[in-house]
Amino acid sequence: MGYIEDLRSIVGHRPLIFVGSVVVVVDKVGRILLQQRKFPEGAWGIPGGLMELGESTEDVAKRELYEETRLQVEELTLINVYSGPEHFIKAANGDEFYVVTTAYYAEHAKGDVVVDETESFAFHYFYPNEFPEGIVKSHQAILDEFLLKHYSSLRVVAK
């Protein structure tokens, strides 16, 4: 059992604060990796997850990316930290929590994507003008900020 499951066994469904990280992965031609998630079912999002005890936000980002995709990144660049009442979630099982999310981006991950089928249906790289419908609202805000502030300065190879 992990930290969050241990904590939930003590406090039940009461609201908690969790810290998580996500990684916007950009390939050599400027496409962005999105995850079709099992929770919420079929929604698209950015790879990432919640912090375990003793981890830094960078550790979380790298670990979650690897667990979900088998991709590895060395260098992470901060996009922003997201928190506040708009980051409140009530899960289908009744668990309530506020998430503080640290968002990073990384260029040119190493490895080939292998889908962790316990959390994901699929992973696909998309050009920003081809993003699918149904992106998780909080992840859309991260992607919007990333595209506005960072995307034009990336080292991408022409299509």
Protein backbone atom coordinates (compact mmCIF):
# COMPACT_ATOMS: atom_id res chain seq x y z
CA MET A 1 0.00 0.00 0.00
CA GLY A 2 1.31 3.47 -0.87
CA TYR A 3 1.27 6.68 1.13
CA ILE A 4 -2.06 7.90 -0.22
CA GLU A 5 -3.80 4.58 0.36
CA ASP A 6 -2.39 4.48 3.92
CA LEU A 7 -3.59 8.02 4.57
CA ARG A 8 -7.06 7.28 3.18
CA SER A 9 -7.38 4.24 5.46
CA ILE A 10 -7.00 6.63 8.39
CA VAL A 11 -9.05 9.67 7.29
CA GLY A 12 -11.62 8.15 4.96
CA HIS A 13 -13.07 10.46 2.31
CA ARG A 14 -12.32 13.77 4.12
CA PRO A 15 -10.69 16.50 2.00
CA LEU A 16 -6.91 16.32 1.88
CA ILE A 17 -4.12 18.23 0.14
CA PHE A 18 -1.98 16.24 -2.29
CA VAL A 19 1.08 17.31 -4.23
CA GLY A 20 1.64 16.04 -7.73
CA SER A 21 3.67 16.65 -10.86
CA VAL A 22 3.06 16.35 -14.58
CA VAL A 23 5.44 16.39 -17.54
CA VAL A 24 4.66 17.88 -20.95
CA VAL A 25 6.87 15.75 -23.20
CA VAL A 26 7.76 17.26 -26.57
CA ASP A 27 9.30 15.13 -29.31
CA LYS A 28 11.85 16.21 -31.93
CA VAL A 29 9.20 17.47 -34.35
CA GLY A 30 7.22 19.46 -31.78
CA ARG A 31 4.44 17.03 -30.97
CA ILE A 32 3.21 16.74 -27.38
CA LEU A 33 2.58 13.41 -25.65
CA LEU A 34 -0.94 12.99 -24.27
CA GLN A 35 -2.36 10.14 -22.23
CA GLN A 36 -5.84 8.75 -22.73
CA ARG A 37 -6.69 8.00 -19.11
CA LYS A 38 -8.80 5.36 -17.48
CA PHE A 39 -9.78 7.88 -14.77
CA PRO A 40 -11.71 9.91 -15.70
CA GLU A 41 -12.52 7.32 -18.32
CA GLY A 42 -11.38 8.25 -21.80
CA ALA A 43 -10.24 11.77 -20.89
CA TRP A 44 -6.93 13.00 -22.27
CA GLY A 45 -4.23 14.45 -20.05
CA ILE A 46 -0.57 14.94 -19.34
CA PRO A 47 1.45 12.07 -17.81
CA GLY A 48 1.99 12.53 -14.08
CA GLY A 49 0.80 11.64 -10.65
CA LEU A 50 0.99 12.19 -6.91
CA MET A 51 3.97 12.50 -4.59
CA GLU A 52 5.10 9.72 -2.27
CA LEU A 53 6.88 10.47 1.02
CA GLY A 54 10.43 11.75 0.61
CA GLU A 55 10.14 12.71 -3.06
CA SER A 56 10.80 16.06 -4.68
CA THR A 57 8.41 17.32 -7.34
CA GLU A 58 11.09 16.54 -9.92
CA ASP A 59 11.34 12.98 -8.60
CA VAL A 60 7.56 12.60 -8.90
CA ALA A 61 7.55 13.88 -12.47
CA LYS A 62 10.31 11.52 -13.61
CA ARG A 63 8.96 8.51 -11.69
CA GLU A 64 5.37 8.91 -12.88
CA LEU A 65 6.45 9.47 -16.47
CA TYR A 66 8.53 6.31 -16.35
CA GLU A 67 5.84 4.23 -14.60
CA GLU A 68 3.14 5.29 -17.06
CA THR A 69 5.16 5.27 -20.30
CA ARG A 70 8.63 3.77 -19.72
CA LEU A 71 10.05 7.04 -21.07
CA GLN A 72 12.95 8.72 -19.30
CA VAL A 73 13.86 12.39 -19.19
CA GLU A 74 16.94 13.98 -17.72
CA GLU A 75 16.18 17.69 -17.74
CA LEU A 76 12.90 19.21 -16.59
CA THR A 77 11.94 22.85 -17.08
CA LEU A 78 9.32 24.39 -14.82
CA ILE A 79 6.12 25.63 -16.45
CA ASN A 80 4.32 26.70 -13.27
CA VAL A 81 2.75 25.54 -10.00
CA TYR A 82 -1.04 25.26 -9.93
CA SER A 83 -3.18 25.33 -6.78
CA GLY A 84 -6.32 26.80 -5.28
CA PRO A 85 -10.03 26.09 -5.03
CA GLU A 86 -10.33 25.32 -8.76
CA HIS A 87 -8.07 22.32 -8.14
CA PHE A 88 -10.54 20.56 -5.86
CA ILE A 89 -11.47 17.03 -6.94
CA LYS A 90 -14.16 14.68 -5.71
CA ALA A 91 -13.37 11.20 -6.99
CA ALA A 92 -16.03 8.70 -8.02
CA ASN A 93 -15.38 6.74 -4.80
CA GLY A 94 -16.11 9.82 -2.64
CA ASP A 95 -12.50 10.80 -1.87
CA GLU A 96 -12.08 14.58 -1.77
CA PHE A 97 -8.80 16.41 -2.29
CA TYR A 98 -7.09 19.58 -3.38
CA VAL A 99 -4.10 19.10 -5.65
CA VAL A 100 -1.01 21.28 -5.84
CA THR A 101 0.46 20.42 -9.24
CA THR A 102 3.96 21.27 -10.37
CA ALA A 103 4.09 21.20 -14.17
CA TYR A 104 7.29 20.68 -16.12
CA TYR A 105 8.21 20.17 -19.73
CA ALA A 106 10.94 18.02 -21.22
CA GLU A 107 12.25 17.66 -24.73
CA HIS A 108 13.15 14.43 -26.45
CA ALA A 109 12.42 11.71 -23.91
CA LYS A 110 14.44 8.52 -24.18
CA GLY A 111 12.84 5.16 -24.86
CA ASP A 112 9.73 3.86 -26.54
CA VAL A 113 6.28 4.36 -25.06
CA VAL A 114 4.91 1.29 -23.27
CA VAL A 115 1.38 1.83 -21.96
CA ASP A 116 0.70 0.98 -18.30
CA GLU A 117 -2.75 -0.48 -18.84
CA THR A 118 -3.76 -0.05 -15.18
CA GLU A 119 -3.90 3.75 -15.67
CA SER A 120 -4.09 4.39 -19.41
CA PHE A 121 -5.83 3.33 -22.58
CA ALA A 122 -3.24 4.90 -24.87
CA PHE A 123 -0.54 7.50 -25.41
CA HIS A 124 -0.20 9.54 -28.59
CA TYR A 125 1.91 12.47 -29.74
CA PHE A 126 -0.14 15.38 -31.12
CA TYR A 127 0.72 18.68 -32.73
CA PRO A 128 -0.91 21.45 -30.68
CA ASN A 129 -3.38 22.26 -33.45
CA GLU A 130 -4.47 18.58 -33.47
CA PHE A 131 -5.19 18.03 -29.76
CA PRO A 132 -8.11 15.66 -29.16
CA GLU A 133 -11.39 16.66 -27.56
CA GLY A 134 -11.85 15.84 -23.88
CA ILE A 135 -8.62 17.08 -22.29
CA VAL A 136 -8.82 17.28 -18.48
CA LYS A 137 -9.65 20.93 -17.67
CA SER A 138 -6.69 21.50 -15.34
CA HIS A 139 -4.34 19.92 -17.89
CA GLN A 140 -5.73 22.11 -20.67
CA ALA A 141 -4.76 25.16 -18.58
CA ILE A 142 -1.22 23.79 -18.20
CA LEU A 143 -0.96 23.08 -21.93
CA ASP A 144 -2.27 26.56 -22.77
CA GLU A 145 0.34 28.21 -20.54
CA PHE A 146 3.11 25.97 -21.90
CA LEU A 147 2.20 26.78 -25.50
CA LEU A 148 1.99 30.50 -24.78
CA LYS A 149 5.23 30.83 -22.81
CA HIS A 150 7.57 28.03 -23.90
CA TYR A 151 6.61 26.24 -27.10
CA SER A 152 8.04 28.73 -29.59
CA SER A 153 11.52 28.51 -28.01
CA LEU A 154 11.86 24.71 -28.29
CA ARG A 155 14.50 23.05 -30.42
CA VAL A 156 12.29 21.15 -32.86
CA VAL A 157 13.10 19.76 -36.25
CA ALA A 158 10.83 20.84 -39.11
CA LYS A 159 8.04 18.40 -40.05
